[in-house]
Amino acid sequence: MFTSRMTQLALIGIVSMLWGGGSQGFADELPHVFHGIVSQSQPRAADFTLTGHTDKPVRLGDFQGKLVMLYFGYTFCPGICPTTLAEVAQALQTLGPKAAEKVQVLMISVDPERDTLDRMAAYLAHFNAAFLGLTGTPDEIAKTAASYGIYYKKYEGTTADSYSVDHTSMVIVVDEKGLVQLLFPFGTPASAMADDLAALLHDAAPASAGHEIQVENAWGRSLPSVVTDGDFYMTIRNRGNTPDKLKGGHSPACGMVMLYEGYQTPQGAMGMRPVQGGFIEIPPQGLVELKAGGFHIMCMGRKEDFASGIRLPLTLEFETSGEVTVPVNIGVGPTHSQSSYR
């Protein structure tokens, strides 16, 4: 449950404790406009040791190198918890399996008396088999919750086992270095979570073999609902000293993603076809512009509306750099944003 004034005050308290305010980015270093509340001070997340639903001890530090989505809830929660966990599960599905492997969801029970290990395992598996439930003694839970500014309180029911627990409902995102980066308040939709997580994963991408890929101004045109295929455009820079090849991609918004090129016949007619050789070469210290009439990315059999103002996740597959996921802005032209992925 998430109904009491005390719960609302607790949410305000943790926002004040961890965040200087509702900023739109990390000190203007990232062009991404975040949907969640972004940390200005980036405090280190409090470590803890609790018992996982696997009956093994679990530390927050065990997941260094991944993004951690930390949620305090309980399995008897009638509406707020399952709604939040369903949105989180959908967000990971939107990211795609490879990106989702870089995210760990932890639910810490605020009802350790009733949330047994078996019950938590069955409950969380309903949403995503990779979700991990954590519990502990009442004192351990209270200490962990307090370290994150989480408020919770038991309210007795008509029987001893029918009580409810009022609690702060939010998802705290801890980055791969153990720093608190982002907060998703209750009601944040899955698409917004996926968009923000993709941006954080991009920023965390490690350096690779002397090259650096930079993607700028990824965008696509808004389309009528009857149009089934759409184009994605962007500029791809290779700031390293080694050539790379864009070999393809995938997106949950598309049935298939293909690399296309425009061409002109001797008679002056315009057409387009799959790129010759099946790849687009990105030269060292060079760039390739994907644009209408030239190289571009085709979203075949689109599964989502291309409505102006939305962002769609697109994963690009490079021969050397591997997979890079970028948000594609749908509108009437590029937004002149820039994102670096190493």
Protein backbone atom coordinates (compact mmCIF):
# COMPACT_ATOMS: atom_id res chain seq x y z
CA MET A 1 0.00 0.00 0.00
CA PHE A 2 1.07 3.58 -0.60
CA THR A 3 -1.60 5.71 0.95
CA SER A 4 -0.51 7.50 4.08
CA ARG A 5 0.77 11.02 4.45
CA MET A 6 3.81 9.58 6.24
CA THR A 7 4.67 7.56 3.15
CA GLN A 8 4.44 10.64 0.97
CA LEU A 9 6.68 12.54 3.37
CA ALA A 10 9.18 9.69 3.32
CA LEU A 11 9.36 9.86 -0.46
CA ILE A 12 9.99 13.57 -0.27
CA GLY A 13 12.65 12.89 2.36
CA ILE A 14 14.67 10.46 0.30
CA VAL A 15 14.48 12.72 -2.73
CA SER A 16 15.83 15.54 -0.62
CA MET A 17 18.51 13.30 0.89
CA LEU A 18 19.82 11.81 -2.35
CA TRP A 19 18.91 14.42 -4.94
CA GLY A 20 19.40 18.12 -5.12
CA GLY A 21 16.28 18.41 -7.28
CA GLY A 22 14.57 17.10 -10.40
CA SER A 23 17.36 17.67 -12.88
CA GLN A 24 17.12 16.68 -16.52
CA GLY A 25 20.64 15.26 -16.70
CA PHE A 26 23.96 14.61 -14.98
CA ALA A 27 25.41 18.10 -14.55
CA ASP A 28 24.79 18.78 -18.27
CA GLU A 29 27.22 16.02 -19.27
CA LEU A 30 24.62 13.81 -20.92
CA PRO A 31 22.21 15.01 -23.62
CA HIS A 32 19.63 12.43 -22.57
CA VAL A 33 16.56 13.94 -20.93
CA PHE A 34 15.75 11.59 -18.05
CA HIS A 35 12.20 10.69 -17.09
CA GLY A 36 13.16 9.69 -13.54
CA ILE A 37 14.66 11.90 -10.85
CA VAL A 38 18.40 12.16 -11.42
CA SER A 39 21.07 12.33 -8.75
CA GLN A 40 23.21 15.46 -8.62
CA SER A 41 25.61 14.32 -5.90
CA GLN A 42 25.65 10.62 -6.90
CA PRO A 43 26.01 9.26 -3.34
CA ARG A 44 27.41 5.78 -2.81
CA ALA A 45 24.61 3.29 -2.23
CA ALA A 46 24.62 1.78 1.25
CA ASP A 47 25.86 -1.80 1.11
CA PHE A 48 23.98 -4.53 2.93
CA THR A 49 23.95 -8.28 3.42
CA LEU A 50 20.56 -9.99 3.40
CA THR A 51 19.26 -13.45 2.55
CA GLY A 52 18.20 -14.10 -1.02
CA HIS A 53 15.19 -16.23 -1.87
CA THR A 54 17.82 -18.77 -2.98
CA ASP A 55 18.69 -19.10 0.75
CA LYS A 56 22.15 -17.64 0.14
CA PRO A 57 23.61 -14.39 1.52
CA VAL A 58 23.42 -11.50 -0.92
CA ARG A 59 25.33 -8.21 -0.82
CA LEU A 60 24.65 -5.19 -2.95
CA GLY A 61 28.36 -5.26 -3.76
CA ASP A 62 27.89 -8.65 -5.43
CA PHE A 63 26.41 -6.85 -8.42
CA GLN A 64 29.17 -4.36 -9.08
CA GLY A 65 29.49 -3.99 -12.84
CA LYS A 66 25.70 -4.08 -13.32
CA LEU A 67 22.89 -1.61 -12.89
CA VAL A 68 20.80 -2.54 -9.84
CA MET A 69 17.11 -1.66 -9.59
CA LEU A 70 16.36 -1.71 -5.86
CA TYR A 71 12.75 -1.93 -4.68
CA PHE A 72 11.25 -2.26 -1.20
CA GLY A 73 7.92 -4.09 -1.17
CA TYR A 74 6.16 -7.27 -0.06
CA THR A 75 4.38 -10.20 -1.66
CA PHE A 76 1.01 -9.58 0.04
CA CYS A 77 0.88 -6.06 -1.44
CA PRO A 78 -2.45 -5.92 -3.32
CA GLY A 79 -1.73 -3.38 -6.04
CA ILE A 80 1.27 -1.06 -5.82
CA CYS A 81 4.02 -3.70 -5.75
CA PRO A 82 2.73 -5.88 -8.59
CA THR A 83 2.08 -2.78 -10.71
CA THR A 84 5.63 -1.53 -10.17
CA LEU A 85 7.25 -4.92 -10.77
CA ALA A 86 5.22 -5.44 -13.94
CA GLU A 87 6.46 -2.10 -15.30
CA VAL A 88 10.04 -2.99 -14.40
CA ALA A 89 9.70 -6.36 -16.14
CA GLN A 90 8.29 -4.69 -19.25
CA ALA A 91 11.14 -2.16 -19.21
CA LEU A 92 13.71 -4.97 -19.27
CA GLN A 93 11.84 -6.68 -22.08
CA THR A 94 11.94 -3.43 -24.04
CA LEU A 95 15.70 -3.18 -23.51
CA GLY A 96 16.19 -6.61 -25.04
CA PRO A 97 17.83 -9.70 -23.54
CA LYS A 98 21.48 -8.67 -23.90
CA ALA A 99 20.99 -5.25 -22.31
CA ALA A 100 18.70 -6.73 -19.64
CA GLU A 101 21.52 -9.07 -18.57
CA LYS A 102 23.36 -5.95 -17.38
CA VAL A 103 20.53 -5.07 -14.96
CA GLN A 104 19.70 -6.83 -11.68
CA VAL A 105 16.38 -6.27 -9.95
CA LEU A 106 16.34 -6.72 -6.15
CA MET A 107 13.16 -6.60 -4.08
CA ILE A 108 13.76 -6.21 -0.34
CA SER A 109 10.80 -7.41 1.70
CA VAL A 110 9.32 -5.00 4.23
CA ASP A 111 7.26 -7.93 5.56
CA PRO A 112 9.88 -10.48 6.66
CA GLU A 113 7.41 -12.21 8.97
CA ARG A 114 5.22 -13.47 6.10
CA ASP A 115 7.53 -13.31 3.07
CA THR A 116 9.15 -16.72 3.19
CA LEU A 117 11.91 -17.64 0.74
CA ASP A 118 9.64 -19.98 -1.22
CA ARG A 119 6.87 -17.42 -1.40
CA MET A 120 9.22 -14.70 -2.64
CA ALA A 121 10.70 -17.03 -5.24
CA ALA A 122 7.27 -17.93 -6.63
CA TYR A 123 6.04 -14.33 -6.50
CA LEU A 124 8.98 -12.78 -8.33
CA ALA A 125 9.17 -15.55 -10.94
CA HIS A 126 5.74 -14.40 -12.11
CA PHE A 127 7.32 -11.14 -13.29
CA ASN A 128 10.82 -12.21 -14.31
CA ALA A 129 12.84 -15.28 -13.38
CA ALA A 130 15.95 -13.14 -12.86
CA PHE A 131 14.37 -10.95 -10.17
CA LEU A 132 15.87 -11.67 -6.75
CA GLY A 133 13.98 -11.33 -3.48
CA LEU A 134 15.81 -10.43 -0.28
CA THR A 135 14.76 -10.77 3.34
CA GLY A 136 16.31 -10.76 6.81
CA THR A 137 15.52 -10.16 10.43
CA PRO A 138 13.23 -7.22 11.24
CA ASP A 139 16.28 -5.31 12.50
CA GLU A 140 18.25 -5.99 9.32
CA ILE A 141 15.35 -4.85 7.14
CA ALA A 142 14.82 -1.73 9.26
CA LYS A 143 18.52 -0.80 9.05
CA THR A 144 18.65 -1.31 5.29
CA ALA A 145 15.44 0.61 4.69
CA ALA A 146 16.62 3.50 6.86
CA SER A 147 19.89 3.74 4.91
CA TYR A 148 17.83 4.46 1.78
CA GLY A 149 15.27 6.71 3.46
CA ILE A 150 12.51 4.14 3.03
CA TYR A 151 9.45 4.46 5.28
CA TYR A 152 7.24 1.47 6.09
CA LYS A 153 4.71 0.68 8.80
CA LYS A 154 2.49 -2.29 9.59
CA TYR A 155 -1.26 -1.74 9.93
CA GLU A 156 -3.15 -4.48 11.74
CA GLY A 157 -6.03 -6.23 9.98
CA THR A 158 -9.02 -8.17 11.22
CA THR A 159 -6.81 -11.21 11.88
CA ALA A 160 -3.21 -11.67 12.94
CA ASP A 161 -2.11 -12.51 9.39
CA SER A 162 -4.26 -10.02 7.50
CA TYR A 163 -2.26 -6.89 8.21
CA SER A 164 -1.03 -4.55 5.47
CA VAL A 165 2.23 -2.62 5.21
CA ASP A 166 2.27 1.01 4.16
CA HIS A 167 5.60 1.71 2.41
CA THR A 168 7.46 4.09 0.16
CA SER A 169 7.06 2.81 -3.39
CA MET A 170 9.88 3.72 -5.71
CA VAL A 171 12.69 2.07 -7.64
CA ILE A 172 16.24 3.18 -6.84
CA VAL A 173 18.78 2.69 -9.63
CA VAL A 174 22.38 2.05 -8.56
CA ASP A 175 25.04 2.16 -11.26
CA GLU A 176 27.84 -0.32 -11.99
CA LYS A 177 30.17 1.52 -9.59
CA GLY A 178 27.72 1.41 -6.67
CA LEU A 179 26.54 5.03 -6.97
CA VAL A 180 22.90 6.07 -6.72
CA GLN A 181 22.00 7.55 -10.09
CA LEU A 182 18.27 7.61 -10.52
CA LEU A 183 14.87 7.27 -8.85
CA PHE A 184 11.67 6.03 -10.50
CA PRO A 185 8.64 7.15 -8.46
CA PHE A 186 5.51 5.02 -8.48
CA GLY A 187 3.67 5.38 -11.77
CA THR A 188 6.76 5.70 -13.99
CA PRO A 189 5.84 3.77 -17.16
CA ALA A 190 7.98 0.94 -18.53
CA SER A 191 8.88 2.88 -21.67
CA ALA A 192 10.33 5.73 -19.60
CA MET A 193 12.30 3.31 -17.41
CA ALA A 194 13.70 1.53 -20.48
CA ASP A 195 14.72 4.84 -22.05
CA ASP A 196 16.60 5.93 -18.92
CA LEU A 197 18.21 2.54 -18.34
CA ALA A 198 19.46 2.47 -21.92
CA ALA A 199 21.12 5.84 -21.40
CA LEU A 200 22.81 4.68 -18.19
CA LEU A 201 24.02 1.49 -19.87
CA HIS A 202 25.50 3.53 -22.70
CA ASP A 203 27.42 5.70 -20.29
CA ALA A 204 28.76 2.58 -18.56
CA ALA A 205 29.95 0.87 -21.76
CA PRO A 206 33.68 0.01 -21.42
CA ALA A 207 36.47 1.04 -23.76
CA SER A 208 37.25 -1.50 -26.47
CA ALA A 209 40.47 -2.18 -28.38
CA GLY A 210 41.55 1.30 -29.35
CA HIS A 211 38.33 2.48 -30.97
CA GLU A 212 35.49 4.69 -29.92
CA ILE A 213 32.08 4.83 -31.58
CA GLN A 214 30.00 7.98 -31.24
CA VAL A 215 26.36 8.15 -32.32
CA GLU A 216 24.76 11.52 -32.93
CA ASN A 217 21.21 12.65 -33.67
CA ALA A 218 19.46 9.30 -34.04
CA TRP A 219 15.98 10.05 -35.31
CA GLY A 220 13.09 8.84 -37.44
CA ARG A 221 10.10 10.52 -39.01
CA SER A 222 6.65 10.33 -37.47
CA LEU A 223 4.47 8.15 -39.69
CA PRO A 224 0.76 7.57 -40.37
CA SER A 225 -0.56 4.44 -38.65
CA VAL A 226 -1.15 2.70 -42.02
CA VAL A 227 2.58 2.80 -42.88
CA THR A 228 4.28 -0.42 -41.76
CA ASP A 229 7.96 0.41 -42.42
CA GLY A 230 10.04 3.39 -41.33
CA ASP A 231 13.58 4.74 -41.63
CA PHE A 232 16.09 5.61 -38.90
CA TYR A 233 18.80 8.21 -39.52
CA MET A 234 21.89 9.21 -37.53
CA THR A 235 25.57 10.09 -37.73
CA ILE A 236 28.08 7.46 -36.62
CA ARG A 237 31.62 8.58 -35.82
CA ASN A 238 34.63 6.37 -35.26
CA ARG A 239 37.01 8.35 -33.09
CA GLY A 240 39.48 5.49 -32.81
CA ASN A 241 42.27 4.27 -35.03
CA THR A 242 40.66 0.97 -36.06
CA PRO A 243 37.93 0.57 -38.72
CA ASP A 244 34.62 -0.89 -37.68
CA LYS A 245 31.58 -2.22 -39.51
CA LEU A 246 27.91 -1.68 -38.79
CA LYS A 247 26.40 -5.09 -39.54
CA GLY A 248 22.78 -4.69 -38.50
CA GLY A 249 20.59 -4.21 -35.47
CA HIS A 250 17.37 -5.00 -33.71
CA SER A 251 14.61 -3.19 -31.86
CA PRO A 252 11.48 -4.25 -29.97
CA ALA A 253 9.70 -1.58 -32.05
CA CYS A 254 10.47 -3.40 -35.31
CA GLY A 255 9.76 -6.83 -36.72
CA MET A 256 13.14 -6.67 -38.46
CA VAL A 257 15.96 -4.13 -38.71
CA MET A 258 17.92 -3.97 -41.97
CA LEU A 259 20.65 -1.80 -43.47
CA TYR A 260 19.56 -0.10 -46.69
CA GLU A 261 21.06 2.30 -49.20
CA GLY A 262 19.50 4.63 -51.71
CA TYR A 263 20.52 4.60 -55.37
CA GLN A 264 19.69 6.31 -58.65
CA THR A 265 19.13 4.59 -61.97
CA PRO A 266 20.64 5.91 -65.23
CA GLN A 267 17.17 7.19 -66.03
CA GLY A 268 17.19 9.30 -62.86
CA ALA A 269 14.72 7.17 -60.89
CA MET A 270 15.37 6.79 -57.17
CA GLY A 271 15.27 3.47 -55.36
CA MET A 272 16.60 1.70 -52.30
CA ARG A 273 18.03 -1.75 -51.62
CA PRO A 274 19.87 -3.70 -48.90
CA VAL A 275 23.46 -2.48 -48.56
CA GLN A 276 25.94 -4.30 -50.71
CA GLY A 277 28.11 -6.67 -48.68
CA GLY A 278 25.67 -6.58 -45.78
CA PHE A 279 27.53 -3.93 -43.77
CA ILE A 280 28.39 -0.25 -43.58
CA GLU A 281 32.06 0.49 -42.93
CA ILE A 282 32.90 3.16 -40.36
CA PRO A 283 36.44 4.38 -41.16
CA PRO A 284 38.95 5.21 -38.40
CA GLN A 285 38.84 8.90 -37.41
CA GLY A 286 35.89 9.22 -39.79
CA LEU A 287 32.12 9.30 -39.88
CA VAL A 288 29.21 7.93 -41.86
CA GLU A 289 25.94 9.82 -42.11
CA LEU A 290 22.80 7.71 -42.34
CA LYS A 291 20.25 9.84 -44.19
CA ALA A 292 17.36 9.72 -46.64
CA GLY A 293 18.60 8.81 -50.11
CA GLY A 294 21.83 7.30 -48.77
CA PHE A 295 22.71 4.75 -46.15
CA HIS A 296 19.90 4.33 -43.63
CA ILE A 297 18.30 1.81 -41.29
CA MET A 298 14.95 0.27 -42.17
CA CYS A 299 12.49 -0.69 -39.43
CA MET A 300 10.48 -3.38 -41.17
CA GLY A 301 7.06 -4.35 -39.84
CA ARG A 302 7.02 -1.76 -37.09
CA LYS A 303 5.33 -2.82 -33.87
CA GLU A 304 4.86 0.62 -32.30
CA ASP A 305 3.44 3.93 -33.44
CA PHE A 306 6.02 6.37 -34.78
CA ALA A 307 4.40 9.33 -33.05
CA SER A 308 6.24 12.62 -32.79
CA GLY A 309 7.97 13.14 -29.44
CA ILE A 310 8.51 9.50 -28.45
CA ARG A 311 11.79 7.59 -28.23
CA LEU A 312 12.35 4.07 -29.48
CA PRO A 313 15.27 1.87 -28.41
CA LEU A 314 17.50 0.63 -31.26
CA THR A 315 20.43 -1.74 -30.80
CA LEU A 316 23.19 -1.37 -33.41
CA GLU A 317 25.48 -4.34 -34.06
CA PHE A 318 29.11 -3.50 -34.85
CA GLU A 319 31.75 -6.01 -35.86
CA THR A 320 34.33 -4.71 -33.37
CA SER A 321 32.35 -2.62 -30.91
CA GLY A 322 29.61 -5.17 -30.40
CA GLU A 323 26.09 -4.08 -29.56
CA VAL A 324 25.28 -0.44 -28.85
CA THR A 325 21.73 0.57 -27.90
CA VAL A 326 20.63 4.10 -28.78
CA PRO A 327 17.35 5.98 -28.26
CA VAL A 328 15.80 7.09 -31.56
CA ASN A 329 13.85 10.34 -31.38
CA ILE A 330 10.71 10.30 -33.50
CA GLY A 331 9.84 13.66 -35.03
CA VAL A 332 10.44 15.83 -38.08
CA GLY A 333 14.23 16.04 -37.86
CA PRO A 334 17.32 15.49 -35.72
CA THR A 335 17.42 16.97 -32.23
CA HIS A 336 21.18 17.67 -32.39
CA SER A 337 21.93 15.59 -29.33
CA GLN A 338 25.10 13.61 -29.00
CA SER A 339 25.97 10.42 -27.15
CA SER A 340 29.34 8.75 -26.86
CA TYR A 341 29.64 5.01 -26.46
CA ARG A 342 33.02 3.45 -25.85
